[in-house]
Amino acid sequence: MYTYENYLAERDSITMEKAAEIHARICSCIDPENEDDMEILGDYLKAAAKYAGVRAGWNLLSREEKMDTDANRTACHDKVIFHLNILARYLASKGEDASWRDELGDEEEHRKKIGDFACYVTCIEGLTAR
């Protein structure tokens, strides 16, 4: 069975602690009174939650269901990357720290890591919505 420990041993994994630290840095740049800030962050969080839901159920699908769902999973992942990039560019344009985007890596070589981050962020957001 695949475990969190197995995951951490994989190339290009990210720990929950590192993801939480990056998420906190992003949130520290967001002004909750600024509609643009909240909309751009919200777009990313919605994309991340949708992707995380698809990915969380992935291991429960049959091979045939995975084949039927794969294009949707990829599209959701692409949307996560798109909105993450918009968020980073937006924050940088405001003079805020967006170095976290480089830490996650480019979307070609570190696509899985970016998806992992979206799953962590979704977990963090779910826990804080208590």
Protein backbone atom coordinates (compact mmCIF):
# COMPACT_ATOMS: atom_id res chain seq x y z
CA MET A 1 0.00 0.00 0.00
CA TYR A 2 1.20 3.47 -0.86
CA THR A 3 1.71 5.64 2.24
CA TYR A 4 2.62 9.23 3.04
CA GLU A 5 6.11 8.01 3.95
CA ASN A 6 6.42 6.42 0.49
CA TYR A 7 5.28 9.68 -1.03
CA LEU A 8 7.91 11.69 0.86
CA ALA A 9 10.62 9.38 -0.47
CA GLU A 10 9.59 10.18 -4.05
CA ARG A 11 11.52 12.65 -6.16
CA ASP A 12 10.00 16.12 -6.10
CA SER A 13 7.70 15.56 -3.11
CA ILE A 14 6.80 18.34 -0.71
CA THR A 15 6.09 18.03 3.00
CA MET A 16 2.92 19.21 4.69
CA GLU A 17 5.04 21.61 6.74
CA LYS A 18 6.63 23.18 3.66
CA ALA A 19 3.26 23.45 1.90
CA ALA A 20 1.73 25.08 4.99
CA GLU A 21 4.63 27.54 5.16
CA ILE A 22 4.23 28.51 1.49
CA HIS A 23 0.45 28.81 1.88
CA ALA A 24 0.93 31.08 4.91
CA ARG A 25 3.31 33.27 2.92
CA ILE A 26 0.74 33.58 0.14
CA CYS A 27 -2.06 34.41 2.57
CA SER A 28 0.09 37.03 4.31
CA CYS A 29 0.17 38.96 1.01
CA ILE A 30 -3.61 38.95 0.62
CA ASP A 31 -5.68 41.86 1.88
CA PRO A 32 -9.11 40.48 2.82
CA GLU A 33 -10.59 43.93 2.18
CA ASN A 34 -9.25 44.02 -1.40
CA GLU A 35 -11.75 42.48 -3.83
CA ASP A 36 -9.09 41.73 -6.45
CA ASP A 37 -6.89 39.96 -3.91
CA MET A 38 -9.80 37.85 -2.70
CA GLU A 39 -11.04 37.02 -6.19
CA ILE A 40 -7.64 35.92 -7.48
CA LEU A 41 -6.91 33.87 -4.38
CA GLY A 42 -10.44 32.46 -4.48
CA ASP A 43 -10.05 31.37 -8.10
CA TYR A 44 -6.91 29.45 -7.16
CA LEU A 45 -8.48 27.87 -4.09
CA LYS A 46 -11.55 26.76 -6.05
CA ALA A 47 -9.38 25.19 -8.75
CA ALA A 48 -7.23 23.49 -6.09
CA ALA A 49 -10.28 22.10 -4.28
CA LYS A 50 -11.78 20.71 -7.47
CA TYR A 51 -8.49 19.09 -8.47
CA ALA A 52 -7.89 17.70 -4.98
CA GLY A 53 -11.34 16.11 -5.02
CA VAL A 54 -10.65 14.40 -8.32
CA ARG A 55 -7.22 13.27 -7.18
CA ALA A 56 -8.39 12.05 -3.77
CA GLY A 57 -10.83 9.69 -5.44
CA TRP A 58 -8.39 8.49 -8.08
CA ASN A 59 -7.27 5.35 -6.27
CA LEU A 60 -10.89 4.32 -5.78
CA LEU A 61 -11.54 4.16 -9.53
CA SER A 62 -11.30 1.10 -11.73
CA ARG A 63 -8.87 1.14 -14.64
CA GLU A 64 -11.78 1.86 -17.01
CA GLU A 65 -13.07 4.71 -14.82
CA LYS A 66 -9.57 6.19 -14.70
CA MET A 67 -9.38 6.15 -18.50
CA ASP A 68 -12.76 7.86 -18.69
CA THR A 69 -11.81 10.47 -16.09
CA ASP A 70 -8.18 11.14 -17.05
CA ALA A 71 -8.89 14.05 -19.40
CA ASN A 72 -10.94 15.79 -16.71
CA ARG A 73 -8.22 15.24 -14.11
CA THR A 74 -5.64 16.72 -16.47
CA ALA A 75 -7.88 19.71 -17.23
CA CYS A 76 -8.38 20.34 -13.51
CA HIS A 77 -4.62 20.14 -12.97
CA ASP A 78 -4.01 22.59 -15.82
CA LYS A 79 -6.50 25.00 -14.26
CA VAL A 80 -4.65 24.78 -10.91
CA ILE A 81 -1.38 25.71 -12.62
CA PHE A 82 -3.05 28.52 -14.58
CA HIS A 83 -4.56 30.12 -11.47
CA LEU A 84 -1.40 29.60 -9.40
CA ASN A 85 0.59 31.44 -12.06
CA ILE A 86 -1.94 34.27 -12.15
CA LEU A 87 -1.78 34.55 -8.37
CA ALA A 88 2.02 34.71 -8.39
CA ARG A 89 2.13 37.32 -11.17
CA TYR A 90 -0.56 39.39 -9.48
CA LEU A 91 1.23 39.42 -6.13
CA ALA A 92 4.56 40.22 -7.78
CA SER A 93 2.94 43.13 -9.67
CA LYS A 94 1.87 44.54 -6.28
CA GLY A 95 5.42 44.25 -4.97
CA GLU A 96 4.58 41.28 -2.77
CA ASP A 97 6.79 38.23 -2.30
CA ALA A 98 6.12 35.63 -4.99
CA SER A 99 9.36 33.69 -4.56
CA TRP A 100 7.22 30.75 -3.39
CA ARG A 101 6.24 30.20 -7.02
CA ASP A 102 9.86 29.47 -7.96
CA GLU A 103 10.13 27.15 -4.95
CA LEU A 104 7.29 25.05 -6.34
CA GLY A 105 9.09 24.78 -9.68
CA ASP A 106 8.02 25.24 -13.27
CA GLU A 107 4.96 23.47 -14.58
CA GLU A 108 6.84 21.30 -17.04
CA GLU A 109 9.33 19.68 -14.69
CA HIS A 110 7.43 19.96 -11.40
CA ARG A 111 3.84 19.43 -12.46
CA LYS A 112 3.23 16.72 -9.85
CA LYS A 113 4.66 18.87 -7.05
CA ILE A 114 2.32 21.72 -7.99
CA GLY A 115 -0.60 19.29 -7.88
CA ASP A 116 0.59 18.02 -4.50
CA PHE A 117 0.66 21.59 -3.22
CA ALA A 118 -2.93 22.10 -4.36
CA CYS A 119 -3.95 19.02 -2.37
CA TYR A 120 -2.20 20.30 0.75
CA VAL A 121 -3.74 23.77 0.38
CA THR A 122 -7.17 22.19 0.07
CA CYS A 123 -6.55 20.23 3.26
CA ILE A 124 -5.40 23.37 5.10
CA GLU A 125 -8.37 25.38 3.87
CA GLY A 126 -10.74 22.59 4.86
CA LEU A 127 -9.32 22.44 8.35
CA THR A 128 -9.44 26.21 8.86
CA ALA A 129 -13.06 26.37 7.69
CA ARG A 130 -14.11 24.52 10.82
